[in-house]
Structures are given as C-alpha cells and as structure tokens.
C-alpha cells in the first residue's frame, strides 16, 4: 500500500511540474468537491445534491485553481521571490486586502446566484447580512495560513497548500452562504 501512495505522489508531482496550471485546477476542483460533500452532510442534506456539487467543482477548477496559480506568481514577481520577514508580511497584507475580500465576495455571489439560483435582491441581502462576519473570520484565520505558505512553502506548492486549507474554509463558507428556503405566501 505504501508503494501505491508513493507512486501516486510521484506521479502527482510530475504532473505538477509538467502541467502546473492544469494540475492545480484539477486539485482545486477535487478539493472543492470534498468540501461541498462534507458541507452538505453537515447541513443535514440526506441525498447528495449533484447539481450543487458539480457547480462547486466548476468554481474550484475554473476559478480557484487558476486564480491562486496566477496570484502567487504575481506576488513572487512583485516581491522578487524574497522570503524575509518584512517581505512575507507585505505579501500577507496585500493578499488579505485584495484577494481575500474579493474571493469571499465572489464566492457568496456565485453561491447565491448560480448554485442556489436566487434573485439578485436575495443574494445582495444575504451578502449584506453575512459578508462582514465571513470577512472578519477570514482575517482571523487566513493571515496565519498565508504567513506559513509564503514563508515556508515553495511557490509551486502554495496553491496546493492553500487549496487543502480552503477545503475546510469552504465548508465554513458553504454553511454561511447557503440560504434558507424561500417562504411562500
């Protein structure tokens, strides 16, 4: 069994080196699926909602993987690959003031509008109510992840590390972003 896992990891690392964007997209999509399955179960959904799951996989693969890939390359270009304490602090601050608010807002819009199919007025209301808490929570959690990622993780693995942590963050976001059924009448 150990050799199967070792072989799988070696193949994954080869793919990551030869096809970094594609590999990060597949990884982000897969981890988005895991995150959504767990979130669905935690929220009491008995039968897996496949449409929702597929839309979350698309979000992870088409948006999160590429965004993270290019954002980390961009940060390393801006800061010329430096890893001193002052530079890492600047990277974390820049990340928290730009991509963090954008990603959380974009997820909540995507989730309400695309995944749940809610009218914009309901999505906007949900964002007005929940976004400040989501972003505050993000700022208490993600800077530590960002620090470790920028300080200790090589560039080619940063999106992977971020995607693994985001799998758990996604559970929180899913549970925060989902709406209660519309009341009729």
Protein backbone atom coordinates (compact mmCIF):
# COMPACT_ATOMS: atom_id res chain seq x y z
CA UNK A 1 0.00 0.00 0.00
CA UNK A 2 2.84 2.38 0.82
CA UNK A 3 4.32 1.98 -2.66
CA UNK A 4 0.96 2.79 -4.28
CA UNK A 5 0.72 6.03 -2.30
CA UNK A 6 4.36 6.86 -3.01
CA UNK A 7 3.88 6.17 -6.73
CA UNK A 8 0.71 8.30 -6.77
CA UNK A 9 2.52 11.19 -5.08
CA UNK A 10 5.43 10.91 -7.50
CA UNK A 11 3.04 10.98 -10.47
CA UNK A 12 1.21 13.95 -8.98
CA UNK A 13 4.49 15.87 -8.53
CA UNK A 14 5.48 15.09 -12.13
CA UNK A 15 2.12 16.45 -13.34
CA UNK A 16 2.53 19.50 -11.11
CA UNK A 17 5.92 20.20 -12.66
CA UNK A 18 4.93 19.48 -16.27
CA UNK A 19 1.40 20.93 -16.19
CA UNK A 20 1.19 23.23 -13.15
CA UNK A 21 -2.00 25.12 -14.04
CA UNK A 22 -3.94 22.03 -15.12
CA UNK A 23 -2.84 20.11 -12.02
CA UNK A 24 -3.82 22.96 -9.70
CA UNK A 25 -7.19 23.24 -11.45
CA UNK A 26 -7.90 19.53 -11.02
CA UNK A 27 -6.71 19.64 -7.41
CA UNK A 28 -8.85 22.70 -6.58
CA UNK A 29 -11.88 21.11 -8.24
CA UNK A 30 -11.40 17.84 -6.36
CA UNK A 31 -10.94 19.59 -3.02
CA UNK A 32 -14.00 21.77 -3.73
CA UNK A 33 -15.97 18.56 -4.24
CA UNK A 34 -14.78 17.11 -0.94
CA UNK A 35 -15.56 20.38 0.82
CA UNK A 36 -19.08 20.51 -0.61
CA UNK A 37 -19.85 16.88 0.18
CA UNK A 38 -18.85 17.45 3.81
CA UNK A 39 -20.79 20.74 3.96
CA UNK A 40 -23.90 19.07 2.53
CA UNK A 41 -23.72 16.32 5.14
CA UNK A 42 -23.08 18.78 7.99
CA UNK A 43 -26.06 20.89 6.93
CA UNK A 44 -28.34 17.86 7.13
CA UNK A 45 -28.82 17.18 3.44
CA UNK A 46 -29.64 13.49 3.17
CA UNK A 47 -29.29 12.95 -0.58
CA UNK A 48 -26.25 14.46 -2.23
CA UNK A 49 -27.21 17.41 -4.44
CA UNK A 50 -25.28 16.61 -7.60
CA UNK A 51 -26.03 19.87 -9.43
CA UNK A 52 -24.69 21.86 -6.49
CA UNK A 53 -21.66 19.58 -6.26
CA UNK A 54 -20.90 19.98 -9.97
CA UNK A 55 -21.21 23.77 -9.74
CA UNK A 56 -18.80 23.80 -6.79
CA UNK A 57 -16.31 21.63 -8.71
CA UNK A 58 -16.55 24.08 -11.62
CA UNK A 59 -15.93 27.00 -9.25
CA UNK A 60 -12.86 25.30 -7.79
CA UNK A 61 -11.39 24.15 -11.09
CA UNK A 62 -12.29 27.14 -13.27
CA UNK A 63 -11.74 29.91 -10.74
CA UNK A 64 -9.90 28.98 -7.52
CA UNK A 65 -7.12 26.93 -9.12
CA UNK A 66 -6.24 29.44 -11.86
CA UNK A 67 -6.70 32.48 -9.61
CA UNK A 68 -4.37 31.05 -6.98
CA UNK A 69 -1.84 29.94 -9.60
CA UNK A 70 -1.53 33.37 -11.19
CA UNK A 71 -1.90 35.33 -7.96
CA UNK A 72 1.04 33.54 -6.31
CA UNK A 73 3.19 34.01 -9.42
CA UNK A 74 2.23 37.70 -9.40
CA UNK A 75 3.16 38.08 -5.72
CA UNK A 76 6.52 36.43 -6.27
CA UNK A 77 7.23 38.73 -9.22
CA UNK A 78 6.30 41.84 -7.24
CA UNK A 79 8.48 40.81 -4.31
CA UNK A 80 11.16 39.09 -6.44
CA UNK A 81 10.81 35.76 -4.60
CA UNK A 82 12.07 37.17 -1.29
CA UNK A 83 11.14 35.36 1.92
CA UNK A 84 12.48 37.69 4.61
CA UNK A 85 10.08 38.56 7.43
CA UNK A 86 9.29 42.05 6.13
CA UNK A 87 8.53 40.79 2.61
CA UNK A 88 6.36 37.92 3.86
CA UNK A 89 4.42 40.41 5.99
CA UNK A 90 3.85 42.61 2.92
CA UNK A 91 2.67 39.60 0.88
CA UNK A 92 0.22 38.59 3.60
CA UNK A 93 -1.13 42.14 3.96
CA UNK A 94 -1.51 42.53 0.20
CA UNK A 95 -3.21 39.14 -0.05
CA UNK A 96 -5.60 39.97 2.80
CA UNK A 97 -6.53 43.37 1.40
CA UNK A 98 -7.07 42.23 -2.20
CA UNK A 99 -7.69 38.57 -2.92
CA UNK A 100 -9.29 37.69 0.40
CA UNK A 101 -12.20 40.16 0.24
CA UNK A 102 -12.62 39.53 -3.49
CA UNK A 103 -12.63 35.73 -3.19
CA UNK A 104 -15.11 35.71 -0.29
CA UNK A 105 -17.44 38.17 -2.03
CA UNK A 106 -17.19 36.36 -5.36
CA UNK A 107 -17.93 33.01 -3.69
CA UNK A 108 -21.01 34.38 -1.94
CA UNK A 109 -22.30 35.90 -5.20
CA UNK A 110 -21.59 32.70 -7.15
CA UNK A 111 -23.15 30.53 -4.48
CA UNK A 112 -26.34 32.56 -4.15
CA UNK A 113 -26.82 33.48 -7.79
CA UNK A 114 -25.50 30.38 -9.61
CA UNK A 115 -25.61 27.48 -7.16
CA UNK A 116 -28.87 28.39 -5.43
CA UNK A 117 -30.39 30.30 -8.36
CA UNK A 118 -31.59 33.12 -6.12
CA UNK A 119 -32.67 36.50 -7.47
CA UNK A 120 -30.06 39.24 -7.09
CA UNK A 121 -32.09 41.02 -4.39
CA UNK A 122 -31.90 37.91 -2.14
CA UNK A 123 -28.20 37.38 -2.87
CA UNK A 124 -27.46 41.02 -2.09
CA UNK A 125 -29.42 40.83 1.16
CA UNK A 126 -27.57 37.67 2.19
CA UNK A 127 -24.21 39.30 1.42
CA UNK A 128 -25.11 42.43 3.37
CA UNK A 129 -26.01 40.27 6.35
CA UNK A 130 -23.24 37.63 6.23
CA UNK A 131 -20.25 39.14 4.40
CA UNK A 132 -18.87 41.21 7.29
CA UNK A 133 -18.78 38.12 9.53
CA UNK A 134 -17.28 35.98 6.78
CA UNK A 135 -14.57 38.54 6.03
CA UNK A 136 -13.78 39.17 9.69
CA UNK A 137 -13.46 35.44 10.28
CA UNK A 138 -11.28 35.22 7.18
CA UNK A 139 -8.96 37.89 8.57
CA UNK A 140 -8.58 35.99 11.83
CA UNK A 141 -7.74 32.73 10.07
CA UNK A 142 -6.11 33.20 6.66
CA UNK A 143 -3.21 35.51 7.59
CA UNK A 144 -1.64 32.66 9.56
CA UNK A 145 -2.08 30.31 6.59
CA UNK A 146 -0.66 32.98 4.28
CA UNK A 147 2.34 33.55 6.54
CA UNK A 148 3.23 29.87 6.68
CA UNK A 149 2.59 29.48 2.96
CA UNK A 150 4.76 32.44 1.89
CA UNK A 151 7.50 31.79 4.44
CA UNK A 152 7.99 28.04 4.18
CA UNK A 153 6.25 26.61 1.11
CA UNK A 154 7.93 26.65 -2.32
CA UNK A 155 6.00 28.60 -4.98
CA UNK A 156 4.89 25.52 -6.95
CA UNK A 157 3.17 24.07 -3.83
CA UNK A 158 1.49 27.21 -2.45
CA UNK A 159 -1.78 26.82 -4.33
CA UNK A 160 -1.93 23.17 -3.27
CA UNK A 161 -1.43 24.06 0.40
CA UNK A 162 -3.94 26.87 0.08
CA UNK A 163 -6.41 24.53 -1.66
CA UNK A 164 -6.16 21.94 1.12
CA UNK A 165 -6.82 24.57 3.79
CA UNK A 166 -9.51 26.10 1.57
CA UNK A 167 -11.26 22.74 1.57
CA UNK A 168 -12.02 23.31 5.25
CA UNK A 169 -12.66 27.04 4.78
CA UNK A 170 -15.09 26.08 2.02
CA UNK A 171 -17.13 24.08 4.50
CA UNK A 172 -17.46 27.20 6.65
CA UNK A 173 -18.32 29.36 3.63
CA UNK A 174 -20.85 26.84 2.35
CA UNK A 175 -22.62 26.77 5.67
CA UNK A 176 -22.51 30.59 5.88
CA UNK A 177 -23.51 31.32 2.28
CA UNK A 178 -26.39 28.91 1.92
CA UNK A 179 -29.83 30.40 2.17
CA UNK A 180 -32.81 29.07 3.96
CA UNK A 181 -35.67 28.04 1.66
CA UNK A 182 -37.79 30.93 0.43
CA UNK A 183 -41.03 31.25 2.34
CA UNK A 184 -44.06 31.12 0.14
CA UNK A 185 -47.18 33.02 0.79
